[in-house]
PDB file of all heavy atoms in Angstrom:
ATOM      1  N   VAL A   1       1.242   9.286  -4.039  1.00  0.00           N
ATOM      2  CA  VAL A   1       1.850   9.279  -2.700  1.00  0.00           C
ATOM      3  C   VAL A   1       2.270   7.902  -2.302  1.00  0.00           C
ATOM      4  O   VAL A   1       1.549   6.817  -2.524  1.00  0.00           O
ATOM      5  CB  VAL A   1       0.805   9.768  -1.641  1.00  0.00           C
ATOM      6  CG1 VAL A   1       1.413   9.768  -0.277  1.00  0.00           C
ATOM      7  CG2 VAL A   1       0.313  11.238  -2.029  1.00  0.00           C
ATOM      8  N   GLY A   2       3.405   7.769  -1.705  1.00  0.00           N
ATOM      9  CA  GLY A   2       3.913   6.544  -1.157  1.00  0.00           C
ATOM     10  C   GLY A   2       4.421   5.540  -2.189  1.00  0.00           C
ATOM     11  O   GLY A   2       4.303   5.745  -3.365  1.00  0.00           O
ATOM     12  N   LEU A   3       4.933   4.422  -1.679  1.00  0.00           N
ATOM     13  CA  LEU A   3       5.381   3.314  -2.549  1.00  0.00           C
ATOM     14  C   LEU A   3       4.859   2.022  -1.979  1.00  0.00           C
ATOM     15  O   LEU A   3       4.770   1.847  -0.753  1.00  0.00           O
ATOM     16  CB  LEU A   3       6.912   3.259  -2.657  1.00  0.00           C
ATOM     17  CG  LEU A   3       7.594   4.314  -3.533  1.00  0.00           C
ATOM     18  CD1 LEU A   3       9.099   4.111  -3.407  1.00  0.00           C
ATOM     19  CD2 LEU A   3       7.103   4.224  -4.931  1.00  0.00           C
ATOM     20  N   ASN A   4       4.542   1.090  -2.911  1.00  0.00           N
ATOM     21  CA  ASN A   4       3.923  -0.197  -2.488  1.00  0.00           C
ATOM     22  C   ASN A   4       4.485  -1.275  -3.283  1.00  0.00           C
ATOM     23  O   ASN A   4       4.534  -1.189  -4.580  1.00  0.00           O
ATOM     24  CB  ASN A   4       2.397  -0.087  -2.639  1.00  0.00           C
ATOM     25  CG  ASN A   4       1.703  -1.373  -2.193  1.00  0.00           C
ATOM     26  OD1 ASN A   4       2.287  -2.269  -1.601  1.00  0.00           O
ATOM     27  ND2 ASN A   4       0.406  -1.441  -2.484  1.00  0.00           N
ATOM     28  N   ASN A   5       4.982  -2.309  -2.689  1.00  0.00           N
ATOM     29  CA  ASN A   5       5.541  -3.451  -3.423  1.00  0.00           C
ATOM     30  C   ASN A   5       4.810  -4.757  -3.150  1.00  0.00           C
ATOM     31  O   ASN A   5       5.219  -5.830  -3.459  1.00  0.00           O
ATOM     32  CB  ASN A   5       6.989  -3.645  -2.980  1.00  0.00           C
ATOM     33  CG  ASN A   5       7.749  -4.578  -3.970  1.00  0.00           C
ATOM     34  OD1 ASN A   5       7.493  -4.529  -5.185  1.00  0.00           O
ATOM     35  ND2 ASN A   5       8.692  -5.348  -3.429  1.00  0.00           N
ATOM     36  N   LYS A   6       3.553  -4.607  -2.601  1.00  0.00           N
ATOM     37  CA  LYS A   6       2.790  -5.755  -2.274  1.00  0.00           C
ATOM     38  C   LYS A   6       2.078  -6.377  -3.509  1.00  0.00           C
ATOM     39  O   LYS A   6       1.463  -5.727  -4.267  1.00  0.00           O
ATOM     40  CB  LYS A   6       1.706  -5.491  -1.240  1.00  0.00           C
ATOM     41  CG  LYS A   6       2.305  -5.061   0.132  1.00  0.00           C
ATOM     42  CD  LYS A   6       1.164  -4.757   1.089  1.00  0.00           C
ATOM     43  CE  LYS A   6       1.771  -4.363   2.470  1.00  0.00           C
ATOM     44  NZ  LYS A   6       0.690  -3.954   3.478  1.00  0.00           N
ATOM     45  N   CYS A   7       2.320  -7.667  -3.705  1.00  0.00           N
ATOM     46  CA  CYS A   7       1.677  -8.344  -4.866  1.00  0.00           C
ATOM     47  C   CYS A   7       1.579  -9.832  -4.519  1.00  0.00           C
ATOM     48  O   CYS A   7       2.214 -10.317  -3.560  1.00  0.00           O
ATOM     49  CB  CYS A   7       2.549  -8.138  -6.104  1.00  0.00           C
ATOM     50  SG  CYS A   7       4.222  -8.816  -5.966  1.00  0.00           S
ATOM     51  N   THR A   8       0.847 -10.534  -5.292  1.00  0.00           N
ATOM     52  CA  THR A   8       0.688 -12.026  -5.092  1.00  0.00           C
ATOM     53  C   THR A   8       0.546 -12.700  -6.438  1.00  0.00           C
ATOM     54  O   THR A   8       0.675 -12.024  -7.499  1.00  0.00           O
ATOM     55  CB  THR A   8      -0.423 -12.357  -4.197  1.00  0.00           C
ATOM     56  OG1 THR A   8      -0.383 -13.759  -3.819  1.00  0.00           O
ATOM     57  CG2 THR A   8      -1.783 -12.078  -4.766  1.00  0.00           C
ATOM     58  N   ASN A   9       0.281 -13.919  -6.423  1.00  0.00           N
ATOM     59  CA  ASN A   9       0.159 -14.751  -7.727  1.00  0.00           C
ATOM     60  C   ASN A   9      -0.822 -15.813  -7.418  1.00  0.00           C
ATOM     61  O   ASN A   9      -1.236 -16.114  -6.288  1.00  0.00           O
ATOM     62  CB  ASN A   9       1.542 -15.326  -8.053  1.00  0.00           C
ATOM     63  CG  ASN A   9       2.170 -16.079  -6.830  1.00  0.00           C
ATOM     64  OD1 ASN A   9       1.803 -17.196  -6.602  1.00  0.00           O
ATOM     65  ND2 ASN A   9       3.114 -15.396  -6.177  1.00  0.00           N
ATOM     66  N   LEU A  10      -1.186 -16.532  -8.519  1.00  0.00           N
ATOM     67  CA  LEU A  10      -2.250 -17.559  -8.387  1.00  0.00           C
ATOM     68  C   LEU A  10      -1.881 -18.725  -7.453  1.00  0.00           C
ATOM     69  O   LEU A  10      -2.680 -19.208  -6.710  1.00  0.00           O
ATOM     70  CB  LEU A  10      -2.560 -18.162  -9.788  1.00  0.00           C
ATOM     71  CG  LEU A  10      -3.251 -17.144 -10.757  1.00  0.00           C
ATOM     72  CD1 LEU A  10      -3.448 -17.831 -12.140  1.00  0.00           C
ATOM     73  CD2 LEU A  10      -4.640 -16.744 -10.229  1.00  0.00           C
ATOM     74  N   LEU A  11      -0.616 -19.117  -7.463  1.00  0.00           N
ATOM     75  CA  LEU A  11      -0.165 -20.204  -6.653  1.00  0.00           C
ATOM     76  C   LEU A  11      -0.220 -19.837  -5.163  1.00  0.00           C
ATOM     77  O   LEU A  11      -0.729 -20.562  -4.370  1.00  0.00           O
ATOM     78  CB  LEU A  11       1.233 -20.688  -6.964  1.00  0.00           C
ATOM     79  CG  LEU A  11       1.787 -21.876  -6.175  1.00  0.00           C
ATOM     80  CD1 LEU A  11       0.836 -23.049  -6.264  1.00  0.00           C
ATOM     81  CD2 LEU A  11       3.188 -22.242  -6.714  1.00  0.00           C
ATOM     82  N   SER A  12       0.344 -18.683  -4.851  1.00  0.00           N
ATOM     83  CA  SER A  12       0.315 -18.211  -3.466  1.00  0.00           C
ATOM     84  C   SER A  12      -1.172 -18.055  -2.948  1.00  0.00           C
ATOM     85  O   SER A  12      -1.479 -18.350  -1.856  1.00  0.00           O
ATOM     86  CB  SER A  12       1.075 -16.868  -3.269  1.00  0.00           C
ATOM     87  OG  SER A  12       2.423 -17.154  -3.460  1.00  0.00           O
ATOM     88  N   MET A  13      -2.013 -17.509  -3.851  1.00  0.00           N
ATOM     89  CA  MET A  13      -3.424 -17.292  -3.480  1.00  0.00           C
ATOM     90  C   MET A  13      -4.031 -18.718  -3.158  1.00  0.00           C
ATOM     91  O   MET A  13      -4.781 -18.780  -2.143  1.00  0.00           O
ATOM     92  CB  MET A  13      -4.133 -16.725  -4.656  1.00  0.00           C
ATOM     93  CG  MET A  13      -3.918 -15.174  -4.880  1.00  0.00           C
ATOM     94  SD  MET A  13      -4.603 -14.633  -6.407  1.00  0.00           S
ATOM     95  CE  MET A  13      -6.291 -15.342  -6.300  1.00  0.00           C
ATOM     96  N   LEU A  14      -3.827 -19.692  -3.938  1.00  0.00           N
ATOM     97  CA  LEU A  14      -4.411 -21.014  -3.756  1.00  0.00           C
ATOM     98  C   LEU A  14      -3.891 -21.605  -2.480  1.00  0.00           C
ATOM     99  O   LEU A  14      -4.680 -22.172  -1.665  1.00  0.00           O
ATOM    100  CB  LEU A  14      -4.005 -21.889  -4.897  1.00  0.00           C
ATOM    101  CG  LEU A  14      -4.436 -23.370  -4.741  1.00  0.00           C
ATOM    102  CD1 LEU A  14      -5.979 -23.475  -4.691  1.00  0.00           C
ATOM    103  CD2 LEU A  14      -3.933 -24.210  -5.937  1.00  0.00           C
ATOM    104  N   LEU A  15      -2.650 -21.485  -2.202  1.00  0.00           N
ATOM    105  CA  LEU A  15      -2.050 -22.065  -0.969  1.00  0.00           C
ATOM    106  C   LEU A  15      -2.671 -21.348   0.263  1.00  0.00           C
ATOM    107  O   LEU A  15      -2.976 -21.988   1.306  1.00  0.00           O
ATOM    108  CB  LEU A  15      -0.535 -21.914  -0.987  1.00  0.00           C
ATOM    109  CG  LEU A  15       0.222 -22.738  -2.047  1.00  0.00           C
ATOM    110  CD1 LEU A  15       1.696 -22.376  -2.047  1.00  0.00           C
ATOM    111  CD2 LEU A  15      -0.011 -24.266  -1.817  1.00  0.00           C
ATOM    112  N   LEU A  16      -2.730 -20.042   0.248  1.00  0.00           N
ATOM    113  CA  LEU A  16      -3.297 -19.280   1.353  1.00  0.00           C
ATOM    114  C   LEU A  16      -4.761 -19.532   1.538  1.00  0.00           C
ATOM    115  O   LEU A  16      -5.265 -19.626   2.668  1.00  0.00           O
ATOM    116  CB  LEU A  16      -3.073 -17.794   1.218  1.00  0.00           C
ATOM    117  CG  LEU A  16      -1.573 -17.340   1.442  1.00  0.00           C
ATOM    118  CD1 LEU A  16      -1.392 -15.860   1.109  1.00  0.00           C
ATOM    119  CD2 LEU A  16      -1.211 -17.608   2.936  1.00  0.00           C
ATOM    120  N   ASP A  17      -5.487 -19.739   0.417  1.00  0.00           N
ATOM    121  CA  ASP A  17      -6.856 -20.173   0.563  1.00  0.00           C
ATOM    122  C   ASP A  17      -7.001 -21.482   1.280  1.00  0.00           C
ATOM    123  O   ASP A  17      -7.895 -21.649   2.177  1.00  0.00           O
ATOM    124  CB  ASP A  17      -7.569 -20.164  -0.827  1.00  0.00           C
ATOM    125  CG  ASP A  17      -7.795 -18.854  -1.391  1.00  0.00           C
ATOM    126  OD1 ASP A  17      -7.797 -17.843  -0.658  1.00  0.00           O
ATOM    127  OD2 ASP A  17      -8.003 -18.788  -2.674  1.00  0.00           O
ATOM    128  N   LEU A  18      -6.193 -22.421   0.913  1.00  0.00           N
ATOM    129  CA  LEU A  18      -6.280 -23.761   1.572  1.00  0.00           C
ATOM    130  C   LEU A  18      -5.858 -23.622   3.032  1.00  0.00           C
ATOM    131  O   LEU A  18      -6.315 -24.398   3.875  1.00  0.00           O
ATOM    132  CB  LEU A  18      -5.345 -24.717   0.803  1.00  0.00           C
ATOM    133  CG  LEU A  18      -5.751 -25.057  -0.599  1.00  0.00           C
ATOM    134  CD1 LEU A  18      -4.657 -25.910  -1.270  1.00  0.00           C
ATOM    135  CD2 LEU A  18      -7.049 -25.868  -0.586  1.00  0.00           C
ATOM    136  N   ALA A  19      -4.988 -22.637   3.358  1.00  0.00           N
ATOM    137  CA  ALA A  19      -4.549 -22.483   4.722  1.00  0.00           C
ATOM    138  C   ALA A  19      -5.480 -21.625   5.534  1.00  0.00           C
ATOM    139  O   ALA A  19      -5.237 -21.457   6.725  1.00  0.00           O
ATOM    140  CB  ALA A  19      -3.100 -21.870   4.719  1.00  0.00           C
ATOM    141  N   GLY A  20      -6.583 -21.177   4.948  1.00  0.00           N
ATOM    142  CA  GLY A  20      -7.516 -20.361   5.716  1.00  0.00           C
ATOM    143  C   GLY A  20      -7.270 -18.863   5.699  1.00  0.00           C
ATOM    144  O   GLY A  20      -7.889 -18.122   6.505  1.00  0.00           O
ATOM    145  N   ASN A  21      -6.367 -18.415   4.860  1.00  0.00           N
ATOM    146  CA  ASN A  21      -6.021 -16.966   4.798  1.00  0.00           C
ATOM    147  C   ASN A  21      -5.702 -16.400   6.178  1.00  0.00           C
ATOM    148  O   ASN A  21      -6.388 -15.426   6.629  1.00  0.00           O
ATOM    149  CB  ASN A  21      -7.166 -16.231   4.124  1.00  0.00           C
ATOM    150  CG  ASN A  21      -7.289 -16.501   2.649  1.00  0.00           C
ATOM    151  OD1 ASN A  21      -6.338 -16.423   1.868  1.00  0.00           O
ATOM    152  ND2 ASN A  21      -8.418 -16.987   2.244  1.00  0.00           N
ATOM    153  N   PRO A  22      -4.737 -16.908   6.850  1.00  0.00           N
ATOM    154  CA  PRO A  22      -4.371 -16.475   8.240  1.00  0.00           C
ATOM    155  C   PRO A  22      -3.850 -15.093   8.306  1.00  0.00           C
ATOM    156  O   PRO A  22      -3.913 -14.456   9.408  1.00  0.00           O
ATOM    157  CB  PRO A  22      -3.431 -17.507   8.810  1.00  0.00           C
ATOM    158  CG  PRO A  22      -2.758 -17.992   7.485  1.00  0.00           C
ATOM    159  CD  PRO A  22      -3.768 -18.007   6.413  1.00  0.00           C
ATOM    160  N   TYR A  23      -3.276 -14.564   7.218  1.00  0.00           N
ATOM    161  CA  TYR A  23      -2.653 -13.290   7.239  1.00  0.00           C
ATOM    162  C   TYR A  23      -3.448 -12.200   6.654  1.00  0.00           C
ATOM    163  O   TYR A  23      -2.959 -11.163   6.200  1.00  0.00           O
ATOM    164  CB  TYR A  23      -1.235 -13.368   6.537  1.00  0.00           C
ATOM    165  CG  TYR A  23      -0.256 -14.225   7.265  1.00  0.00           C
ATOM    166  CD1 TYR A  23       0.736 -14.902   6.625  1.00  0.00           C
ATOM    167  CD2 TYR A  23      -0.349 -14.422   8.643  1.00  0.00           C
ATOM    168  CE1 TYR A  23       1.678 -15.689   7.196  1.00  0.00           C
ATOM    169  CE2 TYR A  23       0.561 -15.312   9.320  1.00  0.00           C
ATOM    170  CZ  TYR A  23       1.607 -15.904   8.578  1.00  0.00           C
ATOM    171  OH  TYR A  23       2.445 -16.718   9.226  1.00  0.00           O
ATOM    172  N   GLY A  24      -4.796 -12.334   6.594  1.00  0.00           N
ATOM    173  CA  GLY A  24      -5.679 -11.362   6.091  1.00  0.00           C
ATOM    174  C   GLY A  24      -5.720 -10.170   6.994  1.00  0.00           C
ATOM    175  O   GLY A  24      -5.197 -10.107   8.087  1.00  0.00           O
ATOM    176  N   SER A  25      -6.492  -9.136   6.527  1.00  0.00           N
ATOM    177  CA  SER A  25      -6.603  -7.863   7.240  1.00  0.00           C
ATOM    178  C   SER A  25      -7.762  -7.947   8.279  1.00  0.00           C
ATOM    179  O   SER A  25      -8.635  -7.155   8.355  1.00  0.00           O
ATOM    180  CB  SER A  25      -6.908  -6.743   6.263  1.00  0.00           C
ATOM    181  OG  SER A  25      -8.014  -7.048   5.423  1.00  0.00           O
ATOM    182  N   TYR A  26      -7.600  -8.910   9.234  1.00  0.00           N
ATOM    183  CA  TYR A  26      -8.601  -9.062  10.242  1.00  0.00           C
ATOM    184  C   TYR A  26      -8.566  -8.074  11.359  1.00  0.00           C
ATOM    185  O   TYR A  26      -9.567  -7.861  12.047  1.00  0.00           O
ATOM    186  CB  TYR A  26      -8.463 -10.474  10.875  1.00  0.00           C
ATOM    187  CG  TYR A  26      -8.550 -11.597   9.959  1.00  0.00           C
ATOM    188  CD1 TYR A  26      -7.455 -12.250   9.380  1.00  0.00           C
ATOM    189  CD2 TYR A  26      -9.782 -12.138   9.652  1.00  0.00           C
ATOM    190  CE1 TYR A  26      -7.595 -13.279   8.480  1.00  0.00           C
ATOM    191  CE2 TYR A  26      -9.899 -13.220   8.712  1.00  0.00           C
ATOM    192  CZ  TYR A  26      -8.781 -13.824   8.199  1.00  0.00           C
ATOM    193  OH  TYR A  26      -8.907 -14.844   7.298  1.00  0.00           O
ATOM    194  N   GLN A  27      -7.484  -7.450  11.523  1.00  0.00           N
ATOM    195  CA  GLN A  27      -7.318  -6.527  12.682  1.00  0.00           C
ATOM    196  C   GLN A  27      -7.998  -5.132  12.512  1.00  0.00           C
ATOM    197  O   GLN A  27      -7.999  -4.380  13.414  1.00  0.00           O
ATOM    198  CB  GLN A  27      -5.770  -6.209  12.879  1.00  0.00           C
ATOM    199  CG  GLN A  27      -5.133  -5.375  11.868  1.00  0.00           C
ATOM    200  CD  GLN A  27      -4.684  -6.093  10.630  1.00  0.00           C
ATOM    201  OE1 GLN A  27      -5.023  -7.271  10.446  1.00  0.00           O
ATOM    202  NE2 GLN A  27      -3.846  -5.423   9.777  1.00  0.00           N
ATOM    203  N   ASP A  28      -8.616  -4.919  11.388  1.00  0.00           N
ATOM    204  CA  ASP A  28      -9.172  -3.621  11.107  1.00  0.00           C
ATOM    205  C   ASP A  28     -10.752  -3.564  11.198  1.00  0.00           C
ATOM    206  O   ASP A  28     -11.355  -2.848  10.449  1.00  0.00           O
ATOM    207  CB  ASP A  28      -8.712  -3.102   9.693  1.00  0.00           C
ATOM    208  CG  ASP A  28      -7.290  -2.773   9.728  1.00  0.00           C
ATOM    209  OD1 ASP A  28      -6.913  -1.899  10.413  1.00  0.00           O
ATOM    210  OD2 ASP A  28      -6.530  -3.376   8.926  1.00  0.00           O
ATOM    211  N   ASP A  29     -11.239  -4.343  12.103  1.00  0.00           N
ATOM    212  CA  ASP A  29     -12.693  -4.367  12.377  1.00  0.00           C
ATOM    213  C   ASP A  29     -13.534  -4.566  11.073  1.00  0.00           C
ATOM    214  O   ASP A  29     -14.456  -3.753  10.822  1.00  0.00           O
ATOM    215  CB  ASP A  29     -13.090  -3.042  13.050  1.00  0.00           C
ATOM    216  CG  ASP A  29     -12.427  -2.880  14.440  1.00  0.00           C
ATOM    217  OD1 ASP A  29     -12.151  -3.945  15.095  1.00  0.00           O
ATOM    218  OD2 ASP A  29     -12.092  -1.783  14.829  1.00  0.00           O
ATOM    219  N   GLU A  30     -13.138  -5.472  10.319  1.00  0.00           N
ATOM    220  CA  GLU A  30     -13.826  -5.761   9.059  1.00  0.00           C
ATOM    221  C   GLU A  30     -15.029  -6.678   9.219  1.00  0.00           C
ATOM    222  O   GLU A  30     -15.034  -7.541  10.145  1.00  0.00           O
ATOM    223  CB  GLU A  30     -12.905  -6.295   8.001  1.00  0.00           C
ATOM    224  CG  GLU A  30     -11.896  -5.345   7.543  1.00  0.00           C
ATOM    225  CD  GLU A  30     -11.110  -5.828   6.307  1.00  0.00           C
ATOM    226  OE1 GLU A  30     -11.783  -6.211   5.306  1.00  0.00           O
ATOM    227  OE2 GLU A  30      -9.849  -5.993   6.351  1.00  0.00           O
ATOM    228  N   TRP A  31     -15.979  -6.594   8.312  1.00  0.00           N
ATOM    229  CA  TRP A  31     -17.181  -7.398   8.317  1.00  0.00           C
ATOM    230  C   TRP A  31     -17.324  -8.068   6.960  1.00  0.00           C
ATOM    231  O   TRP A  31     -16.879  -7.499   5.914  1.00  0.00           O
ATOM    232  CB  TRP A  31     -18.403  -6.525   8.574  1.00  0.00           C
ATOM    233  CG  TRP A  31     -18.334  -5.800   9.920  1.00  0.00           C
ATOM    234  CD1 TRP A  31     -17.662  -4.590  10.073  1.00  0.00           C
ATOM    235  CD2 TRP A  31     -18.782  -6.205  11.128  1.00  0.00           C
ATOM    236  NE1 TRP A  31     -17.695  -4.165  11.393  1.00  0.00           N
ATOM    237  CE2 TRP A  31     -18.440  -5.173  12.077  1.00  0.00           C
ATOM    238  CE3 TRP A  31     -19.509  -7.274  11.639  1.00  0.00           C
ATOM    239  CZ2 TRP A  31     -18.735  -5.194  13.439  1.00  0.00           C
ATOM    240  CZ3 TRP A  31     -19.853  -7.335  13.008  1.00  0.00           C
ATOM    241  CH2 TRP A  31     -19.480  -6.281  13.884  1.00  0.00           C
ATOM    242  N   CYS A  32     -17.831  -9.274   6.950  1.00  0.00           N
ATOM    243  CA  CYS A  32     -17.949 -10.048   5.731  1.00  0.00           C
ATOM    244  C   CYS A  32     -18.888  -9.326   4.762  1.00  0.00           C
ATOM    245  O   CYS A  32     -19.959  -8.925   5.138  1.00  0.00           O
ATOM    246  CB  CYS A  32     -18.444 -11.446   6.014  1.00  0.00           C
ATOM    247  SG  CYS A  32     -18.681 -12.509   4.634  1.00  0.00           S
ATOM    248  N   LEU A  33     -18.384  -9.217   3.526  1.00  0.00           N
ATOM    249  CA  LEU A  33     -19.246  -8.591   2.471  1.00  0.00           C
ATOM    250  C   LEU A  33     -20.412  -9.418   2.012  1.00  0.00           C
ATOM    251  O   LEU A  33     -21.368  -8.943   1.460  1.00  0.00           O
ATOM    252  CB  LEU A  33     -18.408  -8.238   1.303  1.00  0.00           C
ATOM    253  CG  LEU A  33     -17.216  -7.271   1.488  1.00  0.00           C
ATOM    254  CD1 LEU A  33     -16.399  -7.147   0.189  1.00  0.00           C
ATOM    255  CD2 LEU A  33     -17.694  -5.911   1.969  1.00  0.00           C
ATOM    256  N   HIS A  34     -20.362 -10.730   2.361  1.00  0.00           N
ATOM    257  CA  HIS A  34     -21.339 -11.693   1.961  1.00  0.00           C
ATOM    258  C   HIS A  34     -22.501 -11.895   3.008  1.00  0.00           C
ATOM    259  O   HIS A  34     -23.688 -11.877   2.625  1.00  0.00           O
ATOM    260  CB  HIS A  34     -20.729 -12.999   1.554  1.00  0.00           C
ATOM    261  CG  HIS A  34     -19.551 -12.879   0.651  1.00  0.00           C
ATOM    262  ND1 HIS A  34     -19.780 -12.645  -0.687  1.00  0.00           N
ATOM    263  CD2 HIS A  34     -18.213 -12.918   0.821  1.00  0.00           C
ATOM    264  CE1 HIS A  34     -18.589 -12.577  -1.312  1.00  0.00           C
ATOM    265  NE2 HIS A  34     -17.639 -12.725  -0.398  1.00  0.00           N
ATOM    266  N   CYS A  35     -22.100 -12.114   4.226  1.00  0.00           N
ATOM    267  CA  CYS A  35     -23.102 -12.469   5.247  1.00  0.00           C
ATOM    268  C   CYS A  35     -23.187 -11.323   6.406  1.00  0.00           C
ATOM    269  O   CYS A  35     -24.009 -11.408   7.225  1.00  0.00           O
ATOM    270  CB  CYS A  35     -22.863 -13.785   5.901  1.00  0.00           C
ATOM    271  SG  CYS A  35     -21.333 -13.883   6.968  1.00  0.00           S
ATOM    272  N   GLY A  36     -22.234 -10.414   6.374  1.00  0.00           N
ATOM    273  CA  GLY A  36     -22.232  -9.372   7.442  1.00  0.00           C
ATOM    274  C   GLY A  36     -21.616  -9.733   8.733  1.00  0.00           C
ATOM    275  O   GLY A  36     -21.653  -8.948   9.668  1.00  0.00           O
ATOM    276  N   ALA A  37     -21.107 -10.931   8.905  1.00  0.00           N
ATOM    277  CA  ALA A  37     -20.510 -11.398  10.195  1.00  0.00           C
ATOM    278  C   ALA A  37     -19.151 -10.704  10.396  1.00  0.00           C
ATOM    279  O   ALA A  37     -18.435 -10.335   9.433  1.00  0.00           O
ATOM    280  CB  ALA A  37     -20.337 -12.889  10.215  1.00  0.00           C
ATOM    281  N   ARG A  38     -18.720 -10.542  11.636  1.00  0.00           N
ATOM    282  CA  ARG A  38     -17.430  -9.982  11.933  1.00  0.00           C
ATOM    283  C   ARG A  38     -16.285 -10.983  11.516  1.00  0.00           C
ATOM    284  O   ARG A  38     -16.362 -12.175  11.795  1.00  0.00           O
ATOM    285  CB  ARG A  38     -17.377  -9.784  13.461  1.00  0.00           C
ATOM    286  CG  ARG A  38     -15.973  -9.260  13.954  1.00  0.00           C
ATOM    287  CD  ARG A  38     -15.750  -7.855  13.692  1.00  0.00           C
ATOM    288  NE  ARG A  38     -14.493  -7.340  14.247  1.00  0.00           N
ATOM    289  CZ  ARG A  38     -14.402  -6.882  15.493  1.00  0.00           C
ATOM    290  NH1 ARG A  38     -15.471  -6.849  16.313  1.00  0.00           N
ATOM    291  NH2 ARG A  38     -13.226  -6.471  15.954  1.00  0.00           N
ATOM    292  N   LEU A  39     -15.371 -10.432  10.798  1.00  0.00           N
ATOM    293  CA  LEU A  39     -14.184 -11.256  10.319  1.00  0.00           C
ATOM    294  C   LEU A  39     -13.175 -11.467  11.421  1.00  0.00           C
ATOM    295  O   LEU A  39     -12.716 -10.498  11.996  1.00  0.00           O
ATOM    296  CB  LEU A  39     -13.532 -10.646   9.125  1.00  0.00           C
ATOM    297  CG  LEU A  39     -14.382 -10.567   7.903  1.00  0.00           C
ATOM    298  CD1 LEU A  39     -13.673  -9.821   6.760  1.00  0.00           C
ATOM    299  CD2 LEU A  39     -14.760 -11.958   7.337  1.00  0.00           C
ATOM    300  N   LYS A  40     -12.894 -12.698  11.719  1.00  0.00           N
ATOM    301  CA  LYS A  40     -11.929 -13.003  12.811  1.00  0.00           C
ATOM    302  C   LYS A  40     -10.854 -13.904  12.285  1.00  0.00           C
ATOM    303  O   LYS A  40     -11.098 -14.867  11.471  1.00  0.00           O
ATOM    304  CB  LYS A  40     -12.680 -13.691  13.969  1.00  0.00           C
ATOM    305  CG  LYS A  40     -13.709 -12.818  14.622  1.00  0.00           C
ATOM    306  CD  LYS A  40     -14.379 -13.503  15.764  1.00  0.00           C
ATOM    307  CE  LYS A  40     -15.414 -12.691  16.494  1.00  0.00           C
ATOM    308  NZ  LYS A  40     -16.124 -13.315  17.609  1.00  0.00           N
ATOM    309  N   ARG A  41      -9.623 -13.715  12.779  1.00  0.00           N
ATOM    310  CA  ARG A  41      -8.472 -14.562  12.361  1.00  0.00           C
ATOM    311  C   ARG A  41      -8.757 -16.022  12.856  1.00  0.00           C
ATOM    312  O   ARG A  41      -9.257 -16.174  13.942  1.00  0.00           O
ATOM    313  CB  ARG A  41      -7.218 -13.962  12.998  1.00  0.00           C
ATOM    314  CG  ARG A  41      -5.911 -14.652  12.451  1.00  0.00           C
ATOM    315  CD  ARG A  41      -4.751 -14.023  13.129  1.00  0.00           C
ATOM    316  NE  ARG A  41      -4.655 -12.592  12.981  1.00  0.00           N
ATOM    317  CZ  ARG A  41      -4.156 -11.962  11.933  1.00  0.00           C
ATOM    318  NH1 ARG A  41      -3.669 -12.663  10.957  1.00  0.00           N
ATOM    319  NH2 ARG A  41      -4.189 -10.634  11.879  1.00  0.00           N
ATOM    320  N   PRO A  42      -8.445 -16.972  12.048  1.00  0.00           N
ATOM    321  CA  PRO A  42      -8.599 -18.355  12.519  1.00  0.00           C
ATOM    322  C   PRO A  42      -7.812 -18.672  13.777  1.00  0.00           C
ATOM    323  O   PRO A  42      -6.667 -18.301  13.903  1.00  0.00           O
ATOM    324  CB  PRO A  42      -8.037 -19.203  11.321  1.00  0.00           C
ATOM    325  CG  PRO A  42      -7.235 -18.209  10.482  1.00  0.00           C
ATOM    326  CD  PRO A  42      -7.858 -16.893  10.715  1.00  0.00           C
ATOM    327  N   LEU A  43      -8.482 -19.236  14.778  1.00  0.00           N
ATOM    328  CA  LEU A  43      -7.857 -19.454  16.058  1.00  0.00           C
ATOM    329  C   LEU A  43      -6.825 -20.614  16.067  1.00  0.00           C
ATOM    330  O   LEU A  43      -5.837 -20.565  16.802  1.00  0.00           O
ATOM    331  CB  LEU A  43      -9.012 -19.778  17.130  1.00  0.00           C
ATOM    332  CG  LEU A  43      -9.966 -18.626  17.385  1.00  0.00           C
ATOM    333  CD1 LEU A  43     -11.002 -19.085  18.396  1.00  0.00           C
ATOM    334  CD2 LEU A  43      -9.229 -17.419  17.920  1.00  0.00           C
ATOM    335  N   GLN A  44      -7.146 -21.678  15.300  1.00  0.00           N
ATOM    336  CA  GLN A  44      -6.230 -22.844  15.237  1.00  0.00           C
ATOM    337  C   GLN A  44      -6.036 -23.137  13.770  1.00  0.00           C
ATOM    338  O   GLN A  44      -6.945 -23.036  12.893  1.00  0.00           O
ATOM    339  CB  GLN A  44      -6.866 -24.000  15.989  1.00  0.00           C
ATOM    340  CG  GLN A  44      -6.953 -23.742  17.481  1.00  0.00           C
ATOM    341  CD  GLN A  44      -7.507 -24.913  18.222  1.00  0.00           C
ATOM    342  OE1 GLN A  44      -8.130 -25.767  17.543  1.00  0.00           O
ATOM    343  NE2 GLN A  44      -7.241 -25.012  19.487  1.00  0.00           N
TER     344      GLN A  44
END
């Protein structure tokens, strides 16, 4: 079902990690798999 063209690469991953991953899926009421804290988009 459906079509998906979303993909990434090692360089983009590294750059986004350094940038704090601002475009992650924060809007879906997610919780950290490691510590259980609520995941929030970086404010600044």
